[in-house]
Protein backbone atom coordinates (compact mmCIF):
# COMPACT_ATOMS: atom_id res chain seq x y z
CA UNK A 1 -42.68 -1.19 33.48
CA UNK A 2 -45.04 -3.82 32.87
CA UNK A 3 -44.82 -6.56 35.47
CA UNK A 4 -46.15 -9.27 33.61
CA UNK A 5 -43.88 -8.31 30.33
CA UNK A 6 -40.85 -8.78 32.46
CA UNK A 7 -42.27 -12.45 34.44
CA UNK A 8 -43.03 -13.06 30.99
CA UNK A 9 -39.03 -11.94 29.65
CA UNK A 10 -37.11 -13.79 32.75
CA UNK A 11 -38.90 -17.07 32.45
CA UNK A 12 -38.42 -17.45 29.26
CA UNK A 13 -35.57 -20.11 28.12
CA UNK A 14 -33.73 -19.80 24.71
CA UNK A 15 -30.74 -20.15 22.98
CA UNK A 16 -26.88 -21.13 23.22
CA UNK A 17 -25.15 -17.66 24.56
CA UNK A 18 -23.54 -18.47 28.06
CA UNK A 19 -24.13 -15.74 30.63
CA UNK A 20 -20.26 -14.23 31.00
CA UNK A 21 -18.27 -11.52 30.44
CA UNK A 22 -18.01 -10.04 26.96
CA UNK A 23 -15.95 -12.57 24.59
CA UNK A 24 -16.57 -14.07 20.98
CA UNK A 25 -19.67 -15.36 21.92
CA UNK A 26 -21.29 -12.53 23.27
CA UNK A 27 -21.47 -11.46 26.95
CA UNK A 28 -21.73 -8.69 29.45
CA UNK A 29 -19.68 -5.50 29.94
CA UNK A 30 -20.34 -2.06 31.72
CA UNK A 31 -18.78 1.47 32.29
CA UNK A 32 -18.92 3.20 35.70
CA UNK A 33 -20.63 6.52 35.17
CA UNK A 34 -20.44 7.91 38.52
CA UNK A 35 -20.67 6.36 42.14
CA UNK A 36 -24.19 4.35 42.10
CA UNK A 37 -24.87 4.34 37.98
CA UNK A 38 -23.75 2.20 35.18
CA UNK A 39 -23.88 1.76 31.59
CA UNK A 40 -24.16 -1.94 31.26
CA UNK A 41 -24.27 -4.00 27.55
CA UNK A 42 -25.16 -7.64 26.94
CA UNK A 43 -24.74 -8.67 23.52
CA UNK A 44 -25.70 -12.27 22.14
CA UNK A 45 -24.42 -14.50 19.28
CA UNK A 46 -26.07 -15.04 16.25
CA UNK A 47 -28.25 -18.14 18.00
CA UNK A 48 -29.45 -16.04 20.46
CA UNK A 49 -33.00 -14.63 20.67
CA UNK A 50 -33.67 -10.68 21.77
CA UNK A 51 -35.70 -12.41 25.23
CA UNK A 52 -32.54 -14.02 26.13
CA UNK A 53 -29.94 -11.16 26.07
CA UNK A 54 -33.16 -9.18 28.22
CA UNK A 55 -33.01 -11.66 30.58
CA UNK A 56 -29.38 -11.34 30.73
CA UNK A 57 -28.93 -7.99 30.83
CA UNK A 58 -31.29 -7.56 33.66
CA UNK A 59 -29.23 -10.37 35.28
CA UNK A 60 -26.20 -8.32 35.04
CA UNK A 61 -28.11 -5.37 36.13
CA UNK A 62 -28.99 -6.95 39.77
CA UNK A 63 -25.56 -8.49 40.27
CA UNK A 64 -23.96 -5.12 39.64
CA UNK A 65 -26.20 -3.40 42.30
CA UNK A 66 -25.50 -6.62 45.20
CA UNK A 67 -21.91 -5.95 44.44
CA UNK A 68 -22.06 -2.41 44.89
CA UNK A 69 -23.66 -2.59 48.17
CA UNK A 70 -26.98 -1.56 46.66
CA UNK A 71 -30.52 -3.66 47.15
CA UNK A 72 -32.20 -1.95 44.33
CA UNK A 73 -31.89 -0.44 40.80
CA UNK A 74 -34.04 1.27 38.07
CA UNK A 75 -33.19 1.04 34.02
CA UNK A 76 -33.22 4.85 33.13
CA UNK A 77 -32.27 4.09 29.22
CA UNK A 78 -32.56 1.12 27.24
CA UNK A 79 -31.03 1.06 23.66
CA UNK A 80 -31.28 -1.81 21.12
CA UNK A 81 -27.84 -1.68 19.22
CA UNK A 82 -28.89 -4.89 17.20
CA UNK A 83 -26.87 -5.58 14.25
CA UNK A 84 -28.00 -7.29 11.00
CA UNK A 85 -26.06 -9.04 8.40
CA UNK A 86 -26.62 -10.94 4.98
CA UNK A 87 -25.01 -13.68 4.53
CA UNK A 88 -24.95 -16.19 1.86
CA UNK A 89 -24.53 -19.61 1.95
CA UNK A 90 -23.40 -22.22 -0.46
CA UNK A 91 -25.56 -25.12 -1.34
CA UNK A 92 -25.37 -28.52 -3.82
CA UNK A 93 -28.35 -30.05 -5.48
CA UNK A 94 -28.82 -32.20 -3.24
CA UNK A 95 -29.29 -29.66 -0.70
CA UNK A 96 -30.57 -27.29 -2.20
CA UNK A 97 -32.43 -24.80 -0.72
CA UNK A 98 -34.62 -21.73 -1.40
CA UNK A 99 -32.42 -19.85 -3.90
CA UNK A 100 -32.08 -15.89 -4.77
CA UNK A 101 -28.76 -16.01 -6.60
CA UNK A 102 -27.49 -18.75 -8.81
CA UNK A 103 -23.49 -18.75 -9.27
CA UNK A 104 -21.82 -21.00 -11.52
CA UNK A 105 -18.16 -22.46 -11.09
CA UNK A 106 -16.01 -24.10 -13.51
CA UNK A 107 -15.04 -26.95 -10.82
CA UNK A 108 -18.28 -27.64 -9.21
CA UNK A 109 -20.55 -26.35 -11.88
CA UNK A 110 -24.71 -25.61 -10.19
CA UNK A 111 -24.18 -23.76 -7.07
CA UNK A 112 -27.19 -22.50 -5.60
CA UNK A 113 -26.55 -19.50 -3.00
CA UNK A 114 -29.05 -18.62 -0.06
CA UNK A 115 -29.01 -15.21 1.30
CA UNK A 116 -29.95 -14.96 4.83
CA UNK A 117 -30.00 -12.28 7.48
CA UNK A 118 -28.55 -13.01 10.68
CA UNK A 119 -28.89 -10.82 14.16
CA UNK A 120 -26.83 -9.82 16.75
CA UNK A 121 -29.19 -9.07 19.37
CA UNK A 122 -27.42 -6.31 21.96
CA UNK A 123 -28.93 -4.26 24.37
CA UNK A 124 -27.13 -1.19 26.13
CA UNK A 125 -28.96 0.66 29.37
CA UNK A 126 -27.60 2.85 32.31
CA UNK A 127 -29.18 1.65 35.75
CA UNK A 128 -29.12 3.54 38.72
CA UNK A 129 -29.11 1.81 42.19
CA UNK A 130 -30.37 2.86 45.39
CA UNK A 131 -29.99 1.41 49.21
CA UNK A 132 -33.07 -0.12 50.69
CA UNK A 133 -35.85 2.70 52.24
CA UNK A 134 -33.95 5.24 49.15
CA UNK A 135 -35.51 3.20 45.89
CA UNK A 136 -38.08 5.13 43.74
CA UNK A 137 -41.67 3.15 43.91
CA UNK A 138 -40.47 1.09 39.97
CA UNK A 139 -37.32 0.27 41.30
CA UNK A 140 -36.00 -3.70 40.83
CA UNK A 141 -35.29 -5.41 43.84
CA UNK A 142 -32.18 -7.23 42.64
CA UNK A 143 -32.31 -10.37 45.11
CA UNK A 144 -35.92 -11.30 43.19
CA UNK A 145 -34.72 -10.30 40.16
CA UNK A 146 -31.50 -13.39 40.22
CA UNK A 147 -34.00 -15.39 41.88
CA UNK A 148 -36.35 -15.25 38.85
CA UNK A 149 -33.54 -15.68 36.40
CA UNK A 150 -32.62 -18.67 38.42
CA UNK A 151 -35.94 -20.36 37.77
């Protein structure tokens, strides 16, 4: 993995998804596959940039590593399971935005409708955890990942 890219992603600050267990506003979840392998998911809400989702994904991987008594982890597979939804917003002649569809209502008259794509960024990956001295050369040190994310 390109460590400059990782550093860039870790230091980016973005939107409003809190770092939390998966709930209505997004968050993380994990599934234990065996003693030292987990499937980790981080899902952002519609206001969360993909960089922040990836940063929080790495944070959860590092936390799981430490919680299980390991010092290092590698990300074996990642999959972007982001979803895009098309939404329509109504407006009035006073606050018109670019209009792609126009609807008429008997109550209000002219109602412009704007179509927007809303993205929920989701990262799913499998990690393997290792003890000190057993780690592969490209492994992340959990303490260093957590320290980088705190900054």
